[in-house]
Amino acid sequence: MAPMVAVHRTDAKKSGKHERCGAADGAVTVYDKSVEASVEDQLGVAGRIDLNPASAKKLGLNPPFTVDCTWEWV
């Protein structure tokens, strides 16, 4: 399974060039670990992202979890 995330539609539009799911990649950083993930779904809450199990595993996270992270379009 590949690392993927879900973002809110308005957060995707804020970037100016990433308006559709599956059309962009981003980097998620939690603590000192980062992973590049494709945006494959929309989330109902602005200002948050949702990680799939592959993303969580690469970041060393075990569900359930809520952690602060940074998100950057790449």
PDB file of N, CA and C in Angstrom:
ATOM      1  N   MET A   1       0.844  -1.172   0.000  1.00  0.00           N
ATOM      2  CA  MET A   1       0.000   0.000   0.000  1.00  0.00           C
ATOM      3  C   MET A   1       0.893   1.240   0.000  1.00  0.00           C
ATOM      4  N   ALA A   2       0.553   2.205  -0.809  1.00  0.00           N
ATOM      5  CA  ALA A   2       1.333   3.442  -0.925  1.00  0.00           C
ATOM      6  C   ALA A   2       0.844   4.487   0.079  1.00  0.00           C
ATOM      7  N   PRO A   3       1.743   5.356   0.551  1.00  0.00           N
ATOM      8  CA  PRO A   3       1.340   6.429   1.447  1.00  0.00           C
ATOM      9  C   PRO A   3       0.376   7.395   0.755  1.00  0.00           C
ATOM     10  N   MET A   4      -0.759   7.641   1.415  1.00  0.00           N
ATOM     11  CA  MET A   4      -1.776   8.548   0.892  1.00  0.00           C
ATOM     12  C   MET A   4      -2.341   9.380   2.032  1.00  0.00           C
ATOM     13  N   VAL A   5      -2.914  10.528   1.674  1.00  0.00           N
ATOM     14  CA  VAL A   5      -3.589  11.386   2.644  1.00  0.00           C
ATOM     15  C   VAL A   5      -4.897  11.894   2.059  1.00  0.00           C
ATOM     16  N   ALA A   6      -5.757  12.370   2.953  1.00  0.00           N
ATOM     17  CA  ALA A   6      -6.973  13.077   2.563  1.00  0.00           C
ATOM     18  C   ALA A   6      -6.858  14.493   3.112  1.00  0.00           C
ATOM     19  N   VAL A   7      -7.273  15.477   2.330  1.00  0.00           N
ATOM     20  CA  VAL A   7      -7.260  16.874   2.761  1.00  0.00           C
ATOM     21  C   VAL A   7      -8.619  17.490   2.455  1.00  0.00           C
ATOM     22  N   HIS A   8      -8.931  18.590   3.123  1.00  0.00           N
ATOM     23  CA  HIS A   8     -10.172  19.306   2.846  1.00  0.00           C
ATOM     24  C   HIS A   8     -10.052  20.036   1.515  1.00  0.00           C
ATOM     25  N   ARG A   9     -11.142  20.141   0.810  1.00  0.00           N
ATOM     26  CA  ARG A   9     -11.148  20.763  -0.519  1.00  0.00           C
ATOM     27  C   ARG A   9     -10.588  22.185  -0.503  1.00  0.00           C
ATOM     28  N   THR A  10     -10.949  22.981   0.502  1.00  0.00           N
ATOM     29  CA  THR A  10     -10.461  24.356   0.542  1.00  0.00           C
ATOM     30  C   THR A  10      -8.958  24.404   0.808  1.00  0.00           C
ATOM     31  N   ASP A  11      -8.433  23.454   1.573  1.00  0.00           N
ATOM     32  CA  ASP A  11      -6.992  23.409   1.800  1.00  0.00           C
ATOM     33  C   ASP A  11      -6.256  23.073   0.506  1.00  0.00           C
ATOM     34  N   ALA A  12      -6.828  22.218  -0.300  1.00  0.00           N
ATOM     35  CA  ALA A  12      -6.221  21.885  -1.587  1.00  0.00           C
ATOM     36  C   ALA A  12      -6.231  23.096  -2.512  1.00  0.00           C
ATOM     37  N   LYS A  13      -7.302  23.855  -2.508  1.00  0.00           N
ATOM     38  CA  LYS A  13      -7.397  25.027  -3.386  1.00  0.00           C
ATOM     39  C   LYS A  13      -6.464  26.148  -2.958  1.00  0.00           C
ATOM     40  N   LYS A  14      -6.123  26.215  -1.681  1.00  0.00           N
ATOM     41  CA  LYS A  14      -5.252  27.280  -1.195  1.00  0.00           C
ATOM     42  C   LYS A  14      -3.892  27.265  -1.880  1.00  0.00           C
ATOM     43  N   SER A  15      -3.492  26.101  -2.350  1.00  0.00           N
ATOM     44  CA  SER A  15      -2.181  25.998  -2.983  1.00  0.00           C
ATOM     45  C   SER A  15      -2.163  26.646  -4.359  1.00  0.00           C
ATOM     46  N   GLY A  16      -3.337  26.840  -4.951  1.00  0.00           N
ATOM     47  CA  GLY A  16      -3.429  27.501  -6.243  1.00  0.00           C
ATOM     48  C   GLY A  16      -3.279  26.588  -7.442  1.00  0.00           C
ATOM     49  N   LYS A  17      -2.657  25.449  -7.267  1.00  0.00           N
ATOM     50  CA  LYS A  17      -2.488  24.560  -8.418  1.00  0.00           C
ATOM     51  C   LYS A  17      -2.927  23.132  -8.149  1.00  0.00           C
ATOM     52  N   HIS A  18      -3.323  22.832  -6.938  1.00  0.00           N
ATOM     53  CA  HIS A  18      -3.721  21.475  -6.573  1.00  0.00           C
ATOM     54  C   HIS A  18      -5.185  21.488  -6.151  1.00  0.00           C
ATOM     55  N   GLU A  19      -6.067  21.350  -7.111  1.00  0.00           N
ATOM     56  CA  GLU A  19      -7.483  21.466  -6.800  1.00  0.00           C
ATOM     57  C   GLU A  19      -8.226  20.144  -6.884  1.00  0.00           C
ATOM     58  N   ARG A  20      -7.587  19.084  -7.331  1.00  0.00           N
ATOM     59  CA  ARG A  20      -8.279  17.809  -7.448  1.00  0.00           C
ATOM     60  C   ARG A  20      -7.525  16.727  -6.705  1.00  0.00           C
ATOM     61  N   CYS A  21      -8.260  15.856  -6.097  1.00  0.00           N
ATOM     62  CA  CYS A  21      -7.624  14.731  -5.422  1.00  0.00           C
ATOM     63  C   CYS A  21      -6.898  13.883  -6.459  1.00  0.00           C
ATOM     64  N   GLY A  22      -5.788  13.315  -6.063  1.00  0.00           N
ATOM     65  CA  GLY A  22      -5.004  12.489  -6.953  1.00  0.00           C
ATOM     66  C   GLY A  22      -4.108  13.282  -7.876  1.00  0.00           C
ATOM     67  N   ALA A  23      -4.184  14.618  -7.807  1.00  0.00           N
ATOM     68  CA  ALA A  23      -3.422  15.445  -8.739  1.00  0.00           C
ATOM     69  C   ALA A  23      -2.166  16.030  -8.103  1.00  0.00           C
ATOM     70  N   ALA A  24      -1.921  15.728  -6.848  1.00  0.00           N
ATOM     71  CA  ALA A  24      -0.797  16.364  -6.177  1.00  0.00           C
ATOM     72  C   ALA A  24      -0.175  15.446  -5.144  1.00  0.00           C
ATOM     73  N   ASP A  25       1.025  15.756  -4.789  1.00  0.00           N
ATOM     74  CA  ASP A  25       1.713  15.057  -3.723  1.00  0.00           C
ATOM     75  C   ASP A  25       2.113  16.057  -2.667  1.00  0.00           C
ATOM     76  N   GLY A  26       2.293  15.549  -1.476  1.00  0.00           N
ATOM     77  CA  GLY A  26       2.723  16.411  -0.392  1.00  0.00           C
ATOM     78  C   GLY A  26       3.640  15.666   0.545  1.00  0.00           C
ATOM     79  N   ALA A  27       4.271  16.406   1.419  1.00  0.00           N
ATOM     80  CA  ALA A  27       5.148  15.822   2.426  1.00  0.00           C
ATOM     81  C   ALA A  27       4.544  16.089   3.798  1.00  0.00           C
ATOM     82  N   VAL A  28       4.396  15.027   4.578  1.00  0.00           N
ATOM     83  CA  VAL A  28       3.882  15.119   5.932  1.00  0.00           C
ATOM     84  C   VAL A  28       5.058  14.906   6.874  1.00  0.00           C
ATOM     85  N   THR A  29       5.199  15.779   7.862  1.00  0.00           N
ATOM     86  CA  THR A  29       6.259  15.626   8.856  1.00  0.00           C
ATOM     87  C   THR A  29       5.628  15.580  10.240  1.00  0.00           C
ATOM     88  N   VAL A  30       6.012  14.548  10.990  1.00  0.00           N
ATOM     89  CA  VAL A  30       5.588  14.377  12.378  1.00  0.00           C
ATOM     90  C   VAL A  30       6.847  14.144  13.184  1.00  0.00           C
ATOM     91  N   TYR A  31       7.057  15.013  14.168  1.00  0.00           N
ATOM     92  CA  TYR A  31       8.279  14.960  14.965  1.00  0.00           C
ATOM     93  C   TYR A  31       9.482  15.070  14.030  1.00  0.00           C
ATOM     94  N   ASP A  32      10.329  14.061  13.943  1.00  0.00           N
ATOM     95  CA  ASP A  32      11.520  14.147  13.097  1.00  0.00           C
ATOM     96  C   ASP A  32      11.437  13.247  11.867  1.00  0.00           C
ATOM     97  N   LYS A  33      10.236  12.716  11.565  1.00  0.00           N
ATOM     98  CA  LYS A  33      10.071  11.822  10.417  1.00  0.00           C
ATOM     99  C   LYS A  33       9.164  12.465   9.378  1.00  0.00           C
ATOM    100  N   SER A  34       9.482  12.209   8.115  1.00  0.00           N
ATOM    101  CA  SER A  34       8.672  12.732   7.010  1.00  0.00           C
ATOM    102  C   SER A  34       8.346  11.623   6.032  1.00  0.00           C
ATOM    103  N   VAL A  35       7.259  11.797   5.305  1.00  0.00           N
ATOM    104  CA  VAL A  35       6.865  10.867   4.255  1.00  0.00           C
ATOM    105  C   VAL A  35       6.194  11.669   3.145  1.00  0.00           C
ATOM    106  N   GLU A  36       6.477  11.299   1.903  1.00  0.00           N
ATOM    107  CA  GLU A  36       5.761  11.877   0.767  1.00  0.00           C
ATOM    108  C   GLU A  36       4.549  11.010   0.501  1.00  0.00           C
ATOM    109  N   ALA A  37       3.410  11.665   0.297  1.00  0.00           N
ATOM    110  CA  ALA A  37       2.159  10.938   0.103  1.00  0.00           C
ATOM    111  C   ALA A  37       1.322  11.610  -0.969  1.00  0.00           C
ATOM    112  N   SER A  38       0.561  10.803  -1.695  1.00  0.00           N
ATOM    113  CA  SER A  38      -0.331  11.369  -2.699  1.00  0.00           C
ATOM    114  C   SER A  38      -1.661  11.727  -2.043  1.00  0.00           C
ATOM    115  N   VAL A  39      -2.293  12.773  -2.570  1.00  0.00           N
ATOM    116  CA  VAL A  39      -3.601  13.184  -2.090  1.00  0.00           C
ATOM    117  C   VAL A  39      -4.625  12.388  -2.879  1.00  0.00           C
ATOM    118  N   GLU A  40      -5.348  11.518  -2.193  1.00  0.00           N
ATOM    119  CA  GLU A  40      -6.263  10.609  -2.878  1.00  0.00           C
ATOM    120  C   GLU A  40      -7.714  10.740  -2.451  1.00  0.00           C
ATOM    121  N   ASP A  41      -7.985  11.588  -1.464  1.00  0.00           N
ATOM    122  CA  ASP A  41      -9.356  11.685  -0.972  1.00  0.00           C
ATOM    123  C   ASP A  41      -9.579  13.052  -0.338  1.00  0.00           C
ATOM    124  N   GLN A  42     -10.860  13.391  -0.126  1.00  0.00           N
ATOM    125  CA  GLN A  42     -11.205  14.647   0.522  1.00  0.00           C
ATOM    126  C   GLN A  42     -11.646  14.377   1.951  1.00  0.00           C
ATOM    127  N   LEU A  43     -11.318  15.306   2.816  1.00  0.00           N
ATOM    128  CA  LEU A  43     -11.652  15.230   4.227  1.00  0.00           C
ATOM    129  C   LEU A  43     -12.670  16.319   4.538  1.00  0.00           C
ATOM    130  N   GLY A  44     -13.570  16.080   5.472  1.00  0.00           N
ATOM    131  CA  GLY A  44     -14.623  17.027   5.779  1.00  0.00           C
ATOM    132  C   GLY A  44     -14.238  18.161   6.705  1.00  0.00           C
ATOM    133  N   VAL A  45     -13.033  18.139   7.261  1.00  0.00           N
ATOM    134  CA  VAL A  45     -12.622  19.154   8.232  1.00  0.00           C
ATOM    135  C   VAL A  45     -11.431  19.940   7.692  1.00  0.00           C
ATOM    136  N   ALA A  46     -11.589  21.250   7.540  1.00  0.00           N
ATOM    137  CA  ALA A  46     -10.494  22.090   7.052  1.00  0.00           C
ATOM    138  C   ALA A  46      -9.390  22.171   8.097  1.00  0.00           C
ATOM    139  N   GLY A  47      -8.161  22.293   7.624  1.00  0.00           N
ATOM    140  CA  GLY A  47      -7.018  22.440   8.514  1.00  0.00           C
ATOM    141  C   GLY A  47      -6.499  21.133   9.081  1.00  0.00           C
ATOM    142  N   ARG A  48      -7.021  20.016   8.627  1.00  0.00           N
ATOM    143  CA  ARG A  48      -6.566  18.705   9.084  1.00  0.00           C
ATOM    144  C   ARG A  48      -6.238  17.837   7.881  1.00  0.00           C
ATOM    145  N   ILE A  49      -5.459  16.806   8.131  1.00  0.00           N
ATOM    146  CA  ILE A  49      -5.240  15.788   7.110  1.00  0.00           C
ATOM    147  C   ILE A  49      -5.514  14.439   7.749  1.00  0.00           C
ATOM    148  N   ASP A  50      -5.775  13.456   6.930  1.00  0.00           N
ATOM    149  CA  ASP A  50      -6.016  12.101   7.394  1.00  0.00           C
ATOM    150  C   ASP A  50      -5.021  11.198   6.680  1.00  0.00           C
ATOM    151  N   LEU A  51      -4.306  10.401   7.429  1.00  0.00           N
ATOM    152  CA  LEU A  51      -3.288   9.511   6.864  1.00  0.00           C
ATOM    153  C   LEU A  51      -3.848   8.116   6.655  1.00  0.00           C
ATOM    154  N   ASN A  52      -3.445   7.469   5.574  1.00  0.00           N
ATOM    155  CA  ASN A  52      -3.796   6.068   5.419  1.00  0.00           C
ATOM    156  C   ASN A  52      -2.809   5.234   6.252  1.00  0.00           C
ATOM    157  N   PRO A  53      -3.050   3.936   6.429  1.00  0.00           N
ATOM    158  CA  PRO A  53      -2.169   3.109   7.251  1.00  0.00           C
ATOM    159  C   PRO A  53      -0.709   3.104   6.801  1.00  0.00           C
ATOM    160  N   ALA A  54      -0.455   3.164   5.504  1.00  0.00           N
ATOM    161  CA  ALA A  54       0.930   3.165   5.011  1.00  0.00           C
ATOM    162  C   ALA A  54       1.659   4.434   5.432  1.00  0.00           C
ATOM    163  N   SER A  55       0.976   5.575   5.371  1.00  0.00           N
ATOM    164  CA  SER A  55       1.585   6.834   5.815  1.00  0.00           C
ATOM    165  C   SER A  55       1.876   6.780   7.308  1.00  0.00           C
ATOM    166  N   ALA A  56       0.907   6.320   8.081  1.00  0.00           N
ATOM    167  CA  ALA A  56       1.079   6.230   9.531  1.00  0.00           C
ATOM    168  C   ALA A  56       2.253   5.329   9.891  1.00  0.00           C
ATOM    169  N   LYS A  57       2.354   4.194   9.234  1.00  0.00           N
ATOM    170  CA  LYS A  57       3.435   3.240   9.519  1.00  0.00           C
ATOM    171  C   LYS A  57       4.801   3.856   9.251  1.00  0.00           C
ATOM    172  N   LYS A  58       4.938   4.548   8.115  1.00  0.00           N
ATOM    173  CA  LYS A  58       6.225   5.170   7.783  1.00  0.00           C
ATOM    174  C   LYS A  58       6.599   6.288   8.753  1.00  0.00           C
ATOM    175  N   LEU A  59       5.577   6.876   9.397  1.00  0.00           N
ATOM    176  CA  LEU A  59       5.827   7.933  10.376  1.00  0.00           C
ATOM    177  C   LEU A  59       5.965   7.376  11.799  1.00  0.00           C
ATOM    178  N   GLY A  60       5.832   6.063  11.937  1.00  0.00           N
ATOM    179  CA  GLY A  60       5.972   5.428  13.245  1.00  0.00           C
ATOM    180  C   GLY A  60       4.778   5.632  14.155  1.00  0.00           C
ATOM    181  N   LEU A  61       3.599   5.837  13.572  1.00  0.00           N
ATOM    182  CA  LEU A  61       2.383   6.072  14.352  1.00  0.00           C
ATOM    183  C   LEU A  61       1.507   4.830  14.367  1.00  0.00           C
ATOM    184  N   ASN A  62       0.895   4.557  15.502  1.00  0.00           N
ATOM    185  CA  ASN A  62      -0.013   3.420  15.644  1.00  0.00           C
ATOM    186  C   ASN A  62      -1.409   3.929  15.987  1.00  0.00           C
ATOM    187  N   PRO A  63      -2.402   3.650  15.134  1.00  0.00           N
ATOM    188  CA  PRO A  63      -3.765   4.109  15.394  1.00  0.00           C
ATOM    189  C   PRO A  63      -4.315   3.536  16.698  1.00  0.00           C
ATOM    190  N   PRO A  64      -5.214   4.256  17.363  1.00  0.00           N
ATOM    191  CA  PRO A  64      -5.681   5.595  17.005  1.00  0.00           C
ATOM    192  C   PRO A  64      -4.697   6.660  17.482  1.00  0.00           C
ATOM    193  N   PHE A  65      -4.604   7.760  16.747  1.00  0.00           N
ATOM    194  CA  PHE A  65      -3.695   8.841  17.133  1.00  0.00           C
ATOM    195  C   PHE A  65      -4.202  10.167  16.597  1.00  0.00           C
ATOM    196  N   THR A  66      -3.849  11.203  17.286  1.00  0.00           N
ATOM    197  CA  THR A  66      -4.033  12.585  16.837  1.00  0.00           C
ATOM    198  C   THR A  66      -2.739  13.289  17.211  1.00  0.00           C
ATOM    199  N   VAL A  67      -2.017  13.773  16.211  1.00  0.00           N
ATOM    200  CA  VAL A  67      -0.730  14.419  16.458  1.00  0.00           C
ATOM    201  C   VAL A  67      -0.619  15.680  15.629  1.00  0.00           C
ATOM    202  N   ASP A  68       0.173  16.607  16.112  1.00  0.00           N
ATOM    203  CA  ASP A  68       0.487  17.791  15.313  1.00  0.00           C
ATOM    204  C   ASP A  68       1.450  17.389  14.212  1.00  0.00           C
ATOM    205  N   CYS A  69       1.271  17.984  13.050  1.00  0.00           N
ATOM    206  CA  CYS A  69       2.151  17.687  11.926  1.00  0.00           C
ATOM    207  C   CYS A  69       2.277  18.930  11.054  1.00  0.00           C
ATOM    208  N   THR A  70       3.184  18.858  10.104  1.00  0.00           N
ATOM    209  CA  THR A  70       3.249  19.890   9.083  1.00  0.00           C
ATOM    210  C   THR A  70       2.972  19.231   7.749  1.00  0.00           C
ATOM    211  N   TRP A  71       2.366  19.990   6.856  1.00  0.00           N
ATOM    212  CA  TRP A  71       2.011  19.508   5.520  1.00  0.00           C
ATOM    213  C   TRP A  71       2.556  20.507   4.520  1.00  0.00           C
ATOM    214  N   GLU A  72       3.165  19.987   3.475  1.00  0.00           N
ATOM    215  CA  GLU A  72       3.736  20.851   2.446  1.00  0.00           C
ATOM    216  C   GLU A  72       3.488  20.224   1.080  1.00  0.00           C
ATOM    217  N   TRP A  73       2.994  21.019   0.125  1.00  0.00           N
ATOM    218  CA  TRP A  73       2.827  20.524  -1.245  1.00  0.00           C
ATOM    219  C   TRP A  73       4.196  20.376  -1.865  1.00  0.00           C
ATOM    220  N   VAL A  74       4.394  19.322  -2.606  1.00  0.00           N
ATOM    221  CA  VAL A  74       5.669  19.141  -3.318  1.00  0.00           C
ATOM    222  C   VAL A  74       5.421  18.979  -4.796  1.00  0.00           C
TER     223      VAL A  74
END
